[in-house]
Amino acid sequence: MTHTWLTVVEDALSRVDESLTATLEGLDPDDLARRPGPDANPVGWLAWHLTRVLDGHLADLVGAPQVWEEWRVRLDLPYDAGATGYGQSSAEVGAFRADAASLTGYWAATWHRTREVLRQLAGEDAERVVDDSWDPPVTVSSRLVSVVNDVTQHVGQMGYARGLLGA
């Protein structure tokens, strides 16, 4: 198998899939909402947030609707439709409440869509500009590197937070 930049991105994200699923396993809604410190992000919120980040950015790359549109009602979180977790207050983070099955389901649907999107992209897409409000402009490849960086940090935080809770 020839490895391209897209297969490397998919491989990196597949490791997030494995870690996220394992970290959520066996946690109840109280565990998922428990904050390891007064203003710390709980495991469940981190799972939701990193999934929203991946979902939003990948949908934007191909002009597709976000998976969130299907899962928003199921998760029934007290957030606006466009919320991703970015910039939320401590009180907003503290209002998070969901079960592991719903979070895992949203992740699985987003991961499925992510693989579809990555297979739609081609080598020449790497340098396609997706946001010219930055200097230098953001390309597909730089957006994907940013997403991989963000979601791997958050899945690591999930594991650490779970360990602090003794779960």
Protein backbone atom coordinates (compact mmCIF):
# COMPACT_ATOMS: atom_id res chain seq x y z
CA MET A 1 0.00 0.00 0.00
CA THR A 2 1.32 3.40 -0.96
CA HIS A 3 1.12 5.94 1.81
CA THR A 4 -0.02 9.38 0.82
CA TRP A 5 -0.47 12.41 3.02
CA LEU A 6 -4.16 11.47 3.28
CA THR A 7 -3.46 7.92 4.47
CA VAL A 8 -1.13 9.34 7.11
CA VAL A 9 -3.91 11.67 8.32
CA GLU A 10 -6.37 8.76 8.38
CA ASP A 11 -3.89 6.64 10.35
CA ALA A 12 -3.37 9.42 12.90
CA LEU A 13 -7.11 9.87 13.34
CA SER A 14 -7.67 6.10 13.62
CA ARG A 15 -5.56 6.23 16.79
CA VAL A 16 -7.89 8.88 18.17
CA ASP A 17 -10.79 6.56 17.36
CA GLU A 18 -9.21 3.72 19.36
CA SER A 19 -8.30 5.95 22.33
CA LEU A 20 -11.60 7.81 22.49
CA THR A 21 -13.68 4.65 22.40
CA ALA A 22 -11.54 2.96 25.07
CA THR A 23 -11.57 6.03 27.30
CA LEU A 24 -15.38 6.32 27.26
CA GLU A 25 -15.93 2.62 27.91
CA GLY A 26 -17.63 1.88 31.21
CA LEU A 27 -18.21 5.51 32.22
CA ASP A 28 -21.67 6.57 33.35
CA PRO A 29 -23.12 10.08 32.86
CA ASP A 30 -21.86 11.17 36.29
CA ASP A 31 -18.32 10.07 35.41
CA LEU A 32 -18.55 11.81 32.05
CA ALA A 33 -19.62 15.09 33.66
CA ARG A 34 -17.26 14.99 36.67
CA ARG A 35 -14.63 17.68 36.52
CA PRO A 36 -11.19 16.77 37.86
CA GLY A 37 -10.86 20.38 39.09
CA PRO A 38 -13.23 23.32 39.58
CA ASP A 39 -12.85 24.67 36.04
CA ALA A 40 -11.40 21.59 34.34
CA ASN A 41 -13.03 19.99 31.33
CA PRO A 42 -14.74 16.65 32.04
CA VAL A 43 -14.10 13.52 29.98
CA GLY A 44 -17.50 13.61 28.26
CA TRP A 45 -17.27 17.27 27.32
CA LEU A 46 -13.81 16.69 25.85
CA ALA A 47 -15.16 13.79 23.76
CA TRP A 48 -18.02 15.95 22.49
CA HIS A 49 -15.77 18.94 21.80
CA LEU A 50 -13.11 17.05 19.87
CA THR A 51 -15.81 15.34 17.82
CA ARG A 52 -17.40 18.71 17.04
CA VAL A 53 -14.02 20.06 15.92
CA LEU A 54 -13.38 17.13 13.58
CA ASP A 55 -16.97 17.12 12.34
CA GLY A 56 -17.05 20.83 11.56
CA HIS A 57 -13.69 21.08 9.85
CA LEU A 58 -14.11 17.96 7.70
CA ALA A 59 -17.60 18.98 6.59
CA ASP A 60 -16.24 22.40 5.62
CA LEU A 61 -13.51 20.85 3.47
CA VAL A 62 -16.06 19.27 1.14
CA GLY A 63 -19.04 21.57 1.63
CA ALA A 64 -21.13 18.87 3.31
CA PRO A 65 -23.50 19.12 6.27
CA GLN A 66 -22.05 18.26 9.66
CA VAL A 67 -22.91 14.95 11.29
CA TRP A 68 -23.86 17.10 14.31
CA GLU A 69 -27.08 18.05 12.54
CA GLU A 70 -28.24 14.42 12.97
CA TRP A 71 -26.87 13.97 16.50
CA ARG A 72 -27.76 17.28 18.15
CA VAL A 73 -31.24 16.15 19.17
CA ARG A 74 -30.00 12.77 20.41
CA LEU A 75 -27.40 14.32 22.67
CA ASP A 76 -29.79 17.05 23.83
CA LEU A 77 -27.07 19.31 25.21
CA PRO A 78 -27.94 22.76 26.55
CA TYR A 79 -25.93 24.52 23.84
CA ASP A 80 -26.73 26.51 20.72
CA ALA A 81 -26.83 24.56 17.46
CA GLY A 82 -23.51 26.01 16.34
CA ALA A 83 -21.64 25.43 19.60
CA THR A 84 -18.40 23.50 19.34
CA GLY A 85 -17.09 24.07 22.86
CA TYR A 86 -14.58 26.66 21.71
CA GLY A 87 -14.79 29.69 23.98
CA GLN A 88 -17.40 28.21 26.32
CA SER A 89 -17.49 29.50 29.86
CA SER A 90 -16.85 27.28 32.85
CA ALA A 91 -20.59 27.35 33.60
CA GLU A 92 -21.40 26.18 30.07
CA VAL A 93 -18.89 23.34 30.33
CA GLY A 94 -20.36 22.47 33.73
CA ALA A 95 -23.83 22.11 32.17
CA PHE A 96 -22.64 19.19 30.03
CA ARG A 97 -24.54 15.94 30.54
CA ALA A 98 -24.55 12.94 28.18
CA ASP A 99 -24.18 9.18 28.20
CA ALA A 100 -21.27 7.21 26.77
CA ALA A 101 -23.39 5.43 24.16
CA SER A 102 -24.55 8.73 22.65
CA LEU A 103 -21.05 10.22 22.65
CA THR A 104 -19.62 7.06 21.13
CA GLY A 105 -22.40 7.04 18.53
CA TYR A 106 -21.73 10.66 17.54
CA TRP A 107 -18.01 9.93 17.37
CA ALA A 108 -18.55 6.76 15.28
CA ALA A 109 -20.77 8.61 12.79
CA THR A 110 -18.24 11.45 12.55
CA TRP A 111 -15.34 9.03 12.17
CA HIS A 112 -17.23 7.23 9.38
CA ARG A 113 -17.85 10.56 7.60
CA THR A 114 -14.23 11.58 8.14
CA ARG A 115 -12.97 8.50 6.30
CA GLU A 116 -15.41 9.24 3.46
CA VAL A 117 -14.18 12.84 3.23
CA LEU A 118 -10.52 11.81 3.26
CA ARG A 119 -11.21 9.42 0.38
CA GLN A 120 -12.87 12.23 -1.60
CA LEU A 121 -9.77 14.38 -1.36
CA ALA A 122 -6.90 14.01 -3.79
CA GLY A 123 -3.24 14.93 -3.82
CA GLU A 124 -3.90 18.23 -5.55
CA ASP A 125 -6.30 19.24 -2.75
CA ALA A 126 -3.36 19.60 -0.36
CA GLU A 127 -2.67 23.18 -1.43
CA ARG A 128 -6.29 24.24 -2.00
CA VAL A 129 -6.98 27.30 0.16
CA VAL A 130 -9.92 26.89 2.54
CA ASP A 131 -9.50 30.07 4.58
CA ASP A 132 -7.79 33.13 3.17
CA SER A 133 -8.33 35.28 6.26
CA TRP A 134 -4.96 34.08 7.64
CA ASP A 135 -1.44 34.92 6.53
CA PRO A 136 -0.45 32.55 5.08
CA PRO A 137 -3.84 31.29 3.92
CA VAL A 138 -5.03 27.97 5.37
CA THR A 139 -4.83 25.05 2.95
CA VAL A 140 -6.56 21.67 3.15
CA SER A 141 -3.35 20.03 4.34
CA SER A 142 -2.63 22.65 7.01
CA ARG A 143 -6.26 22.43 8.22
CA LEU A 144 -5.97 18.66 8.56
CA VAL A 145 -2.68 18.93 10.46
CA SER A 146 -4.34 21.44 12.79
CA VAL A 147 -7.31 19.12 13.35
CA VAL A 148 -5.06 16.12 14.05
CA ASN A 149 -3.11 18.22 16.55
CA ASP A 150 -6.26 19.42 18.29
CA VAL A 151 -8.06 16.10 18.57
CA THR A 152 -4.97 14.18 19.70
CA GLN A 153 -4.41 16.71 22.49
CA HIS A 154 -8.03 16.40 23.60
CA VAL A 155 -8.10 12.61 23.56
CA GLY A 156 -4.96 12.68 25.71
CA GLN A 157 -6.70 15.07 28.09
CA MET A 158 -9.63 12.64 28.24
CA GLY A 159 -7.37 9.80 29.34
CA TYR A 160 -5.65 11.97 31.90
CA ALA A 161 -8.95 13.27 33.30
CA ARG A 162 -10.31 9.72 33.51
CA GLY A 163 -7.20 8.66 35.42
CA LEU A 164 -7.58 11.55 37.86
CA LEU A 165 -11.12 10.44 38.57
CA GLY A 166 -9.93 6.94 39.36
CA ALA A 167 -12.38 5.54 36.81
